[in-house]
Amino acid sequence: MAHEIALAFEDGITRFVECEEDQTIIDASYKARINIPFDCRDGACGTCKAFAESGDYDEGEYIDDALTDEEADEGYILCCQTKPFTNMVIQVPITSDQAKTGASTLIGNITELDRLSESTVKFSVKIKERDQLNYLPGQYMNISVPGWDDHRSYSFSSGPSEDIVTFLVKLTRGGLMSEYLTDTAKVGDELNLTGPMGSFFLREPLDPILLLAGGTGLAPIMAILEKLTEDELLDVPVRLIYGATFDHDLVELEKLDSYRDRLPDFDYFTVVSDPESNHERKGYVTDHMDSKEHLHDGNADVYLCGPPPMVEAVRKFLNDQPTPPENFYFEKFNSAAGSNKESVVEVETKSAPGYAEVSVSAPGVQTGQVHRTQQDSRAVFEARMALEFGVASLVHETLDSDDLKKFRGLAEKANSFIEGDKLTDADGYVKANNEYHEFLFHRSGNPSMLEAYNNLRVMDVMSKELEDNGFIESAIAQEHLDMIDALEAKDLAKYGEVLRSHNEHAVSTMDKAIENRLGAETEAAK
């Protein structure tokens, strides 16, 4: 049985959602494209706390740190746990503007079906509310046909500024989308597209770029190339190695040829693994990768999208290099991508010595990044920086004066625990600093990126090392404010510059704290 839930926001706007009795307020809200902030979904953090003005409900399970008994008695709830027994009125402590801009389900119509080869179909979609879709080059959408109980995940092959969005699909015998596209799909068909999703996307192009694509993993790579063509200041070489199993799997070559004219320093070549092929280059992409031209002796940013065996082969190849790339971003997929299960984010250290990995796993898709590091904690901060720049790219044009005022308040709260180069209260700073850094993720309303950020567990890493009266880089306090100034000026380049400096200072602070802890442990052992 469904009940009507009235969500009353701080700015006086009230939105209504239908919520089943076995459904949480959070789930019903996101289904209705209303993005109430949350972190954990487990009743452990309190981020989704709200006030129930009326109605009966099952309050679910939670810990005291998230919601005290006194608060529960007063009528406060956690939206990630609460399920309704009746209609409810809930006061949500954010503005409606903050809640409406996130990942949503949009309606689109197929405008073109193009059988690029016997193995690949390209389809184009005109989205009815195109202005409601903002995505980063490399992200994907969950796509379904009305009436389906399931969806499939496909990366954009078009750039974020294009009116018509496009996708590439590898045809798989018995595949849900494959059978639809080959047997019944026609121009004009309506599709449901939910997203954007994923943390595989183009970072600021500061170093030489190597793009690696396997099969229809070419799609997000093409979106990245499209975005790079819009960068008037691009001054780094861009190279692409495109691998396929058979000759007929190589598609969109004319489009790739065009990038030689549209980018200042771009080139690419293809590789086919079929031993019967007459292709100029046979084998695997790693057989044709040059450490100087493509990896720049470790100074390149590498982006790879392809099937799991290709990703693992490339990762091993890069690990075996004398100097692996500073930054390696990857996404591996399989034909079953697209279930509704949540993603899991893990920090791993199975990469080359001196490197660490952060990966985001969801059924059918795994996204990850490997960074050069002296301590494992550096990988977490590098990943945070990349995610923050990505989310800033999504929201920097939409922040209003109220957003900036709230953001400054969070910066000042974090800075209140800093005196010169000392932390007066490490625990207080860690909590306030986290609230500051996750602000843009809440503001974006993108649950995938917010989940990726929170599962980096930056707070845990900092809490382990930072101490009261311990060292902190003094520039950090001003950088908190400078980043907001850059966003207020809508100067994304300046924001990126300050963000990089801020990240280095955060890392050096952690390095010093780790050094002090190890020194103290050594002295204690004597």
Protein backbone atom coordinates (compact mmCIF):
# COMPACT_ATOMS: atom_id res chain seq x y z
CA MET A 1 0.00 0.00 0.00
CA ALA A 2 1.33 3.44 -0.92
CA HIS A 3 1.09 6.54 1.24
CA GLU A 4 1.49 10.19 0.34
CA ILE A 5 4.54 11.86 1.88
CA ALA A 6 4.71 15.66 1.94
CA LEU A 7 8.30 16.92 2.00
CA ALA A 8 8.38 20.49 3.30
CA PHE A 9 11.64 22.28 2.52
CA GLU A 10 13.24 25.28 4.22
CA ASP A 11 12.36 27.67 1.40
CA GLY A 12 8.63 26.99 1.74
CA ILE A 13 8.34 24.58 -1.16
CA THR A 14 6.49 21.31 -0.54
CA ARG A 15 6.86 18.27 -2.77
CA PHE A 16 4.76 15.10 -2.64
CA VAL A 17 5.97 11.55 -3.20
CA GLU A 18 4.27 8.17 -3.11
CA CYS A 19 5.93 5.77 -0.67
CA GLU A 20 5.14 2.09 -0.23
CA GLU A 21 5.01 0.65 3.28
CA ASP A 22 8.07 -1.48 2.59
CA GLN A 23 9.98 1.48 1.12
CA THR A 24 12.09 4.06 2.95
CA ILE A 25 11.51 7.79 2.60
CA ILE A 26 14.94 8.10 0.96
CA ASP A 27 14.17 5.48 -1.67
CA ALA A 28 10.78 6.96 -2.50
CA SER A 29 12.27 10.45 -2.73
CA TYR A 30 15.05 9.42 -5.09
CA LYS A 31 12.58 7.51 -7.22
CA ALA A 32 10.69 10.79 -7.52
CA ARG A 33 13.94 12.65 -8.38
CA ILE A 34 14.04 14.45 -5.01
CA ASN A 35 17.49 14.13 -3.53
CA ILE A 36 17.46 14.23 0.25
CA PRO A 37 21.12 14.17 1.42
CA PHE A 38 22.33 10.90 2.93
CA ASP A 39 25.66 9.22 3.54
CA CYS A 40 25.29 5.70 4.82
CA ARG A 41 21.76 4.26 4.35
CA ASP A 42 22.47 2.31 7.55
CA GLY A 43 21.16 4.65 10.24
CA ALA A 44 24.70 5.40 11.33
CA CYS A 45 25.50 8.98 10.32
CA GLY A 46 22.43 11.19 10.84
CA THR A 47 22.86 13.08 7.56
CA CYS A 48 19.25 12.40 6.50
CA LYS A 49 17.71 13.51 9.81
CA ALA A 50 14.34 15.29 9.41
CA PHE A 51 11.28 16.12 11.50
CA ALA A 52 8.00 14.23 11.14
CA GLU A 53 5.19 16.72 11.72
CA SER A 54 2.46 14.14 11.35
CA GLY A 55 1.83 10.53 10.47
CA ASP A 56 2.64 7.07 11.79
CA TYR A 57 5.72 5.17 10.76
CA ASP A 58 8.28 2.46 11.42
CA GLU A 59 11.38 4.31 12.58
CA GLY A 60 13.75 1.48 11.53
CA GLU A 61 17.10 0.72 13.09
CA TYR A 62 19.82 3.24 13.91
CA ILE A 63 22.53 4.06 16.42
CA ASP A 64 22.42 6.76 19.09
CA ASP A 65 25.12 8.81 17.36
CA ALA A 66 22.76 9.23 14.40
CA LEU A 67 19.52 9.80 16.33
CA THR A 68 19.16 9.97 20.12
CA ASP A 69 16.17 8.60 22.01
CA GLU A 70 15.23 12.15 22.98
CA GLU A 71 15.22 13.27 19.33
CA ALA A 72 13.14 10.25 18.31
CA ASP A 73 10.63 11.02 21.09
CA GLU A 74 10.36 14.60 19.80
CA GLY A 75 9.49 13.35 16.30
CA TYR A 76 12.81 13.35 14.47
CA ILE A 77 13.44 10.54 12.01
CA LEU A 78 16.15 9.22 9.72
CA CYS A 79 14.80 9.20 6.18
CA CYS A 80 17.07 6.29 5.20
CA GLN A 81 15.34 4.06 7.79
CA THR A 82 11.77 5.35 8.14
CA LYS A 83 8.91 3.53 6.40
CA PRO A 84 5.34 4.97 6.53
CA PHE A 85 2.21 3.38 7.95
CA THR A 86 0.08 6.42 6.98
CA ASN A 87 0.37 9.66 5.05
CA MET A 88 3.12 11.85 6.52
CA VAL A 89 4.32 15.46 6.59
CA ILE A 90 8.10 15.77 6.96
CA GLN A 91 10.16 18.91 7.42
CA VAL A 92 13.44 18.49 5.55
CA PRO A 93 16.30 20.83 6.68
CA ILE A 94 17.48 21.86 3.21
CA THR A 95 16.10 24.02 0.41
CA SER A 96 14.12 22.53 -2.44
CA ASP A 97 16.82 23.77 -4.82
CA GLN A 98 19.37 21.57 -3.08
CA ALA A 99 17.10 18.55 -3.39
CA LYS A 100 16.04 18.74 -7.01
CA THR A 101 19.25 18.76 -9.02
CA GLY A 102 20.53 15.24 -8.72
CA ALA A 103 20.55 12.06 -10.71
CA SER A 104 17.11 11.67 -12.20
CA THR A 105 15.13 9.60 -14.65
CA LEU A 106 14.60 11.36 -17.94
CA ILE A 107 12.53 10.40 -20.95
CA GLY A 108 14.07 10.23 -24.41
CA ASN A 109 13.20 9.03 -27.88
CA ILE A 110 15.43 7.14 -30.27
CA THR A 111 16.32 9.34 -33.23
CA GLU A 112 18.78 7.04 -35.00
CA LEU A 113 19.71 3.35 -35.07
CA ASP A 114 22.97 2.62 -36.84
CA ARG A 115 24.34 -0.91 -37.23
CA LEU A 116 28.03 0.00 -37.29
CA SER A 117 29.13 -3.62 -37.74
CA GLU A 118 27.89 -7.14 -37.15
CA SER A 119 28.88 -6.73 -33.51
CA THR A 120 28.05 -3.12 -32.69
CA VAL A 121 25.00 -0.84 -32.73
CA LYS A 122 25.03 2.89 -32.18
CA PHE A 123 21.82 4.56 -31.10
CA SER A 124 21.03 8.21 -30.61
CA VAL A 125 18.49 9.67 -28.18
CA LYS A 126 16.80 13.03 -28.00
CA ILE A 127 16.03 13.72 -24.35
CA LYS A 128 12.85 15.70 -23.74
CA GLU A 129 14.33 17.81 -20.94
CA ARG A 130 17.92 17.97 -22.17
CA ASP A 131 18.67 20.96 -19.96
CA GLN A 132 18.08 18.75 -16.93
CA LEU A 133 20.93 16.42 -17.86
CA ASN A 134 24.48 17.36 -16.89
CA TYR A 135 27.17 14.71 -17.09
CA LEU A 136 30.91 14.35 -17.09
CA PRO A 137 32.62 12.80 -20.14
CA GLY A 138 33.07 9.14 -19.25
CA GLN A 139 29.94 8.69 -17.12
CA TYR A 140 27.09 6.35 -17.97
CA MET A 141 23.30 6.12 -17.78
CA ASN A 142 21.07 3.25 -16.70
CA ILE A 143 18.75 2.73 -19.67
CA SER A 144 15.50 0.80 -19.87
CA VAL A 145 12.53 0.48 -22.18
CA PRO A 146 9.12 1.25 -20.60
CA GLY A 147 7.73 -2.03 -19.34
CA TRP A 148 11.12 -3.53 -18.53
CA ASP A 149 11.81 -4.63 -14.96
CA ASP A 150 15.56 -4.19 -15.47
CA HIS A 151 17.99 -1.79 -17.09
CA ARG A 152 21.38 -1.82 -18.75
CA SER A 153 24.25 0.62 -18.20
CA TYR A 154 25.84 2.40 -21.17
CA SER A 155 28.44 5.15 -21.32
CA PHE A 156 27.83 8.26 -23.37
CA SER A 157 29.81 8.32 -26.61
CA SER A 158 28.76 11.94 -27.13
CA GLY A 159 30.20 15.00 -25.42
CA PRO A 160 28.32 16.72 -22.56
CA SER A 161 27.41 19.77 -24.67
CA GLU A 162 25.79 17.87 -27.55
CA ASP A 163 22.00 18.08 -27.92
CA ILE A 164 21.57 14.48 -29.06
CA VAL A 165 23.23 11.87 -26.84
CA THR A 166 24.66 8.66 -28.29
CA PHE A 167 25.61 5.22 -27.01
CA LEU A 168 27.48 2.18 -28.36
CA VAL A 169 26.22 -1.34 -27.66
CA LYS A 170 28.06 -4.60 -28.25
CA LEU A 171 25.54 -7.14 -29.47
CA THR A 172 25.46 -10.21 -27.25
CA ARG A 173 23.45 -13.33 -28.00
CA GLY A 174 20.49 -13.42 -25.61
CA GLY A 175 21.28 -9.96 -24.21
CA LEU A 176 18.29 -7.88 -23.14
CA MET A 177 19.33 -4.70 -24.93
CA SER A 178 20.94 -6.60 -27.82
CA GLU A 179 17.70 -8.40 -28.67
CA TYR A 180 15.71 -5.20 -28.34
CA LEU A 181 18.02 -3.24 -30.64
CA THR A 182 18.21 -5.95 -33.30
CA ASP A 183 14.62 -7.25 -33.24
CA THR A 184 12.15 -4.59 -32.15
CA ALA A 185 13.70 -1.14 -31.67
CA LYS A 186 12.69 1.61 -34.07
CA VAL A 187 13.15 5.34 -34.40
CA GLY A 188 10.71 7.12 -32.12
CA ASP A 189 10.77 4.49 -29.35
CA GLU A 190 10.70 5.92 -25.84
CA LEU A 191 13.46 5.11 -23.34
CA ASN A 192 13.95 5.79 -19.63
CA LEU A 193 17.44 7.05 -18.78
CA THR A 194 18.57 7.33 -15.16
CA GLY A 195 21.81 9.03 -14.15
CA PRO A 196 24.43 10.18 -14.70
CA MET A 197 26.40 7.50 -12.88
CA GLY A 198 30.01 6.53 -12.35
CA SER A 199 33.33 8.04 -11.30
CA PHE A 200 35.21 7.30 -14.54
CA PHE A 201 35.51 10.72 -16.14
CA LEU A 202 38.03 13.17 -17.55
CA ARG A 203 40.14 15.02 -14.99
CA GLU A 204 41.75 18.38 -15.65
CA PRO A 205 44.22 17.77 -18.55
CA LEU A 206 47.52 18.88 -17.04
CA ASP A 207 49.74 15.99 -18.16
CA PRO A 208 50.05 13.96 -21.39
CA ILE A 209 47.00 11.75 -21.87
CA LEU A 210 46.91 8.12 -23.01
CA LEU A 211 43.46 6.74 -23.83
CA LEU A 212 42.95 2.98 -24.09
CA ALA A 213 39.72 1.47 -25.40
CA GLY A 214 38.60 -2.10 -25.81
CA GLY A 215 35.56 -2.85 -27.98
CA THR A 216 32.60 -0.64 -27.08
CA GLY A 217 34.74 0.73 -24.26
CA LEU A 218 35.43 3.25 -27.00
CA ALA A 219 32.19 5.05 -26.03
CA PRO A 220 33.38 6.95 -22.92
CA ILE A 221 36.74 7.56 -24.60
CA MET A 222 34.94 9.33 -27.46
CA ALA A 223 33.03 11.44 -24.94
CA ILE A 224 36.37 12.41 -23.39
CA LEU A 225 37.78 13.32 -26.82
CA GLU A 226 34.73 15.46 -27.56
CA LYS A 227 35.21 17.35 -24.31
CA LEU A 228 38.90 17.88 -25.03
CA THR A 229 38.04 19.52 -28.37
CA GLU A 230 36.26 22.25 -26.40
CA ASP A 231 39.35 23.06 -24.32
CA GLU A 232 40.93 26.07 -26.01
CA LEU A 233 43.92 25.91 -23.63
CA LEU A 234 44.69 22.24 -24.19
CA ASP A 235 48.45 21.94 -24.64
CA VAL A 236 49.22 18.31 -23.82
CA PRO A 237 49.60 15.42 -26.29
CA VAL A 238 46.67 13.00 -26.49
CA ARG A 239 47.13 9.45 -27.76
CA LEU A 240 44.62 6.62 -28.21
CA ILE A 241 45.21 2.90 -28.62
CA TYR A 242 41.98 1.17 -29.64
CA GLY A 243 41.88 -2.62 -29.36
CA ALA A 244 39.33 -5.10 -30.67
CA THR A 245 38.99 -8.85 -31.06
CA PHE A 246 38.11 -8.93 -34.77
CA ASP A 247 38.48 -6.50 -37.64
CA HIS A 248 34.75 -5.90 -37.78
CA ASP A 249 34.74 -4.81 -34.10
CA LEU A 250 36.62 -1.61 -35.02
CA VAL A 251 34.04 1.16 -35.42
CA GLU A 252 33.79 4.96 -35.59
CA LEU A 253 37.18 5.22 -37.31
CA GLU A 254 36.14 8.22 -39.41
CA LYS A 255 35.15 10.03 -36.25
CA LEU A 256 38.48 9.18 -34.67
CA ASP A 257 40.26 10.46 -37.80
CA SER A 258 38.50 13.81 -37.35
CA TYR A 259 40.12 14.36 -33.96
CA ARG A 260 43.49 14.68 -35.66
CA ASP A 261 42.21 17.98 -37.04
CA ARG A 262 40.14 18.99 -34.03
CA LEU A 263 42.81 18.50 -31.35
CA PRO A 264 46.22 20.23 -31.37
CA ASP A 265 48.28 17.07 -30.76
CA PHE A 266 46.30 13.86 -31.24
CA ASP A 267 46.99 10.55 -32.88
CA TYR A 268 45.69 7.01 -32.58
CA PHE A 269 46.08 3.51 -33.91
CA THR A 270 44.12 0.27 -33.70
CA VAL A 271 45.08 -3.25 -32.64
CA VAL A 272 43.28 -6.53 -33.41
CA SER A 273 43.85 -9.65 -31.32
CA ASP A 274 42.46 -12.19 -33.83
CA PRO A 275 45.49 -14.22 -35.04
CA GLU A 276 43.76 -14.73 -38.42
CA SER A 277 43.49 -10.98 -39.02
CA ASN A 278 45.53 -9.18 -41.68
CA HIS A 279 45.52 -6.05 -39.57
CA GLU A 280 48.73 -4.01 -39.45
CA ARG A 281 49.00 -4.41 -35.67
CA LYS A 282 48.00 -7.68 -34.07
CA GLY A 283 47.99 -8.78 -30.46
CA TYR A 284 47.03 -6.67 -27.46
CA VAL A 285 47.31 -2.96 -26.75
CA THR A 286 50.16 -3.62 -24.33
CA ASP A 287 52.19 -5.14 -27.20
CA HIS A 288 52.26 -1.75 -28.91
CA MET A 289 52.62 0.63 -25.98
CA ASP A 290 55.81 2.71 -25.83
CA SER A 291 57.05 3.92 -22.44
CA LYS A 292 58.28 7.23 -23.85
CA GLU A 293 55.71 8.10 -26.52
CA HIS A 294 52.65 6.85 -24.65
CA LEU A 295 53.57 6.74 -20.95
CA HIS A 296 56.06 9.64 -20.97
CA ASP A 297 58.19 7.74 -18.47
CA GLY A 298 55.41 7.75 -15.88
CA ASN A 299 54.22 11.32 -16.35
CA ALA A 300 51.06 10.48 -18.33
CA ASP A 301 47.45 10.22 -17.17
CA VAL A 302 46.06 6.91 -18.46
CA TYR A 303 42.33 6.31 -19.06
CA LEU A 304 41.17 2.79 -19.90
CA CYS A 305 37.71 1.39 -20.58
CA GLY A 306 37.28 -2.19 -21.70
CA PRO A 307 36.41 -5.76 -20.68
CA PRO A 308 37.89 -7.18 -17.45
CA PRO A 309 40.70 -9.24 -19.06
CA MET A 310 41.97 -6.18 -20.90
CA VAL A 311 41.89 -4.04 -17.77
CA GLU A 312 43.77 -6.62 -15.74
CA ALA A 313 46.37 -7.11 -18.50
CA VAL A 314 46.99 -3.37 -18.74
CA ARG A 315 47.16 -2.98 -14.98
CA LYS A 316 49.81 -5.73 -14.78
CA PHE A 317 51.73 -4.16 -17.67
CA LEU A 318 51.74 -0.75 -15.99
CA ASN A 319 52.74 -2.23 -12.63
CA ASP A 320 55.74 -3.87 -14.28
CA GLN A 321 57.03 -0.60 -15.72
CA PRO A 322 60.10 0.99 -14.06
CA THR A 323 57.97 4.09 -13.50
CA PRO A 324 54.21 3.42 -13.68
CA PRO A 325 51.95 6.32 -14.68
CA GLU A 326 51.21 8.87 -11.98
CA ASN A 327 47.46 8.48 -12.54
CA PHE A 328 45.64 5.49 -14.01
CA TYR A 329 41.83 5.61 -14.32
CA PHE A 330 39.93 2.56 -15.48
CA GLU A 331 36.46 1.17 -15.99
CA LYS A 332 35.79 -2.46 -16.78
CA PHE A 333 32.43 -3.80 -17.79
CA ASN A 334 30.61 -6.93 -18.85
CA SER A 335 27.49 -7.60 -20.85
CA ALA A 336 25.34 -7.99 -17.74
CA ALA A 337 25.89 -4.43 -16.55
CA GLY A 338 22.83 -2.88 -15.12
CA SER A 339 21.33 -4.44 -12.00
CA ASN A 340 19.87 -2.21 -9.32
CA LYS A 341 22.29 -3.20 -6.56
CA GLU A 342 24.34 -0.54 -4.81
CA SER A 343 28.00 0.03 -5.50
CA VAL A 344 30.84 -0.71 -3.09
CA VAL A 345 33.97 1.41 -2.82
CA GLU A 346 37.25 -0.13 -1.71
CA VAL A 347 40.79 1.11 -1.17
CA GLU A 348 43.33 -1.46 -2.29
CA THR A 349 47.12 -1.63 -2.29
CA LYS A 350 47.75 -4.39 -4.83
CA SER A 351 49.31 -2.04 -7.35
CA ALA A 352 53.02 -1.44 -7.85
CA PRO A 353 55.11 -0.51 -4.80
CA GLY A 354 54.60 3.15 -4.01
CA TYR A 355 51.11 3.16 -5.61
CA ALA A 356 47.64 2.59 -4.21
CA GLU A 357 44.23 2.00 -5.75
CA VAL A 358 40.69 3.19 -5.07
CA SER A 359 37.93 1.25 -6.83
CA VAL A 360 34.14 1.55 -7.07
CA SER A 361 32.33 -1.70 -7.83
CA ALA A 362 28.77 -2.22 -8.99
CA PRO A 363 27.26 -5.24 -10.72
CA GLY A 364 28.52 -5.17 -14.31
CA VAL A 365 30.78 -2.15 -13.86
CA GLN A 366 33.95 -1.50 -11.86
CA THR A 367 35.58 1.89 -11.88
CA GLY A 368 38.96 2.55 -10.30
CA GLN A 369 41.97 4.80 -10.12
CA VAL A 370 45.60 4.15 -9.22
CA HIS A 371 47.82 6.96 -7.98
CA ARG A 372 51.48 7.37 -7.15
CA THR A 373 51.86 7.59 -3.39
CA GLN A 374 54.35 7.50 -0.56
CA GLN A 375 51.67 6.37 1.90
CA ASP A 376 48.39 4.65 1.19
CA SER A 377 46.56 7.69 2.57
CA ARG A 378 47.81 9.78 -0.37
CA ALA A 379 45.69 7.70 -2.76
CA VAL A 380 42.59 8.59 -0.78
CA PHE A 381 43.34 12.32 -0.98
CA GLU A 382 44.18 12.11 -4.68
CA ALA A 383 40.87 10.34 -5.27
CA ARG A 384 39.05 12.97 -3.22
CA MET A 385 40.62 15.75 -5.27
CA ALA A 386 39.61 14.10 -8.54
CA LEU A 387 36.03 13.59 -7.37
CA GLU A 388 35.80 17.15 -6.03
CA PHE A 389 36.95 18.67 -9.30
CA GLY A 390 34.48 16.48 -11.15
CA VAL A 391 31.53 17.47 -8.99
CA ALA A 392 32.56 21.14 -9.13
CA SER A 393 32.45 20.87 -12.92
CA LEU A 394 28.81 19.82 -12.61
CA VAL A 395 27.58 22.48 -10.19
CA HIS A 396 29.81 25.55 -10.51
CA GLU A 397 27.39 27.30 -12.87
CA THR A 398 24.36 26.69 -10.63
CA LEU A 399 25.57 27.75 -7.17
CA ASP A 400 23.55 30.69 -5.84
CA SER A 401 24.20 33.19 -3.05
CA ASP A 402 22.56 30.97 -0.42
CA ASP A 403 24.77 28.05 -1.45
CA LEU A 404 27.91 30.17 -1.22
CA LYS A 405 26.87 31.58 2.15
CA LYS A 406 26.37 28.09 3.55
CA PHE A 407 29.64 26.92 2.00
CA ARG A 408 31.53 29.82 3.64
CA GLY A 409 29.95 28.97 6.96
CA LEU A 410 31.29 25.43 6.68
CA ALA A 411 34.75 26.76 5.76
CA GLU A 412 34.78 29.10 8.75
CA LYS A 413 33.70 26.29 11.06
CA ALA A 414 36.56 24.09 9.86
CA ASN A 415 39.02 26.99 10.10
CA SER A 416 37.97 27.68 13.71
CA PHE A 417 39.98 24.63 14.74
CA ILE A 418 43.18 25.96 13.10
CA GLU A 419 45.56 28.38 14.79
CA GLY A 420 48.58 29.13 12.63
CA ASP A 421 50.07 25.72 11.88
CA LYS A 422 48.41 23.93 14.82
CA LEU A 423 45.15 22.02 15.25
CA THR A 424 43.40 23.04 18.46
CA ASP A 425 40.89 20.17 18.29
CA ALA A 426 41.70 17.36 15.86
CA ASP A 427 38.35 15.55 16.19
CA GLY A 428 36.39 18.77 15.74
CA TYR A 429 38.43 19.70 12.69
CA VAL A 430 38.07 16.30 11.05
CA LYS A 431 34.28 16.42 11.34
CA ALA A 432 33.97 20.06 10.23
CA ASN A 433 36.43 19.55 7.39
CA ASN A 434 34.41 16.60 6.13
CA GLU A 435 31.22 18.68 6.16
CA TYR A 436 33.04 21.31 4.11
CA HIS A 437 34.40 18.88 1.53
CA GLU A 438 31.16 16.96 1.04
CA PHE A 439 29.08 20.13 0.53
CA LEU A 440 29.38 20.14 -3.27
CA PHE A 441 28.49 16.45 -3.42
CA HIS A 442 25.28 17.09 -1.50
CA ARG A 443 24.62 20.12 -3.68
CA SER A 444 25.04 18.10 -6.87
CA GLY A 445 22.46 15.57 -5.74
CA ASN A 446 24.40 12.86 -7.58
CA PRO A 447 24.13 9.81 -5.29
CA SER A 448 26.79 7.86 -7.18
CA MET A 449 29.48 10.50 -6.68
CA LEU A 450 28.40 11.22 -3.11
CA GLU A 451 28.64 7.53 -2.29
CA ALA A 452 32.06 7.29 -3.93
CA TYR A 453 33.27 10.27 -1.90
CA ASN A 454 31.95 9.06 1.45
CA ASN A 455 33.28 5.55 0.97
CA LEU A 456 36.80 6.91 0.58
CA ARG A 457 36.53 7.27 4.37
CA VAL A 458 38.71 10.36 4.47
CA MET A 459 37.52 11.02 8.03
CA ASP A 460 38.84 7.63 9.17
CA VAL A 461 42.22 8.25 7.55
CA MET A 462 42.52 11.70 9.15
CA SER A 463 41.22 10.63 12.56
CA LYS A 464 43.84 7.89 12.72
CA GLU A 465 46.76 10.31 12.35
CA LEU A 466 45.82 13.85 13.40
CA GLU A 467 46.19 14.89 17.03
CA ASP A 468 45.31 17.89 19.20
CA ASN A 469 47.99 20.57 18.89
CA GLY A 470 49.44 18.66 15.96
CA PHE A 471 50.87 20.23 12.81
CA ILE A 472 48.68 21.41 9.92
CA GLU A 473 49.78 23.37 6.88
CA SER A 474 48.79 26.96 7.65
CA ALA A 475 47.73 27.64 4.03
CA ILE A 476 44.83 25.20 4.32
CA ALA A 477 42.55 27.66 6.11
CA GLN A 478 42.85 30.31 3.39
CA GLU A 479 42.48 27.70 0.66
CA HIS A 480 39.12 26.68 2.10
CA LEU A 481 37.94 30.23 1.39
CA ASP A 482 39.82 30.67 -1.89
CA MET A 483 38.06 27.68 -3.43
CA ILE A 484 34.70 29.26 -2.63
CA ASP A 485 35.86 32.58 -4.10
CA ALA A 486 36.78 30.79 -7.33
CA LEU A 487 33.37 29.11 -7.51
CA GLU A 488 31.64 32.43 -6.83
CA ALA A 489 33.57 33.90 -9.79
CA LYS A 490 32.60 30.78 -11.83
CA ASP A 491 36.32 30.33 -12.52
CA LEU A 492 36.69 26.56 -12.68
CA ALA A 493 40.35 26.79 -13.72
CA LYS A 494 41.17 28.83 -10.62
CA TYR A 495 39.19 26.42 -8.47
CA GLY A 496 41.25 23.54 -9.86
CA GLU A 497 44.48 25.41 -9.17
CA VAL A 498 43.57 26.06 -5.53
CA LEU A 499 42.22 22.52 -5.15
CA ARG A 500 45.52 21.03 -6.28
CA SER A 501 47.46 23.23 -3.86
CA HIS A 502 45.02 22.35 -1.09
CA ASN A 503 45.42 18.66 -1.79
CA GLU A 504 49.21 18.89 -1.61
CA HIS A 505 48.96 20.69 1.72
CA ALA A 506 46.52 18.09 3.02
CA VAL A 507 48.89 15.31 1.98
CA SER A 508 51.93 17.01 3.51
CA THR A 509 49.97 17.48 6.74
CA MET A 510 49.20 13.76 6.78
CA ASP A 511 52.79 12.89 5.91
CA LYS A 512 54.00 14.92 8.89
CA ALA A 513 51.45 13.31 11.20
CA ILE A 514 52.45 9.82 10.03
CA GLU A 515 56.12 10.68 10.47
CA ASN A 516 55.48 11.89 14.01
CA ARG A 517 53.48 8.79 14.90
CA LEU A 518 56.14 6.44 13.56
CA GLY A 519 58.81 8.39 15.41
CA ALA A 520 56.88 8.15 18.66
CA GLU A 521 56.33 4.43 18.18
CA THR A 522 60.05 3.94 17.55
CA GLU A 523 60.97 5.85 20.71
CA ALA A 524 58.42 3.86 22.74
CA ALA A 525 59.93 0.60 21.49
CA LYS A 526 63.44 1.50 22.66
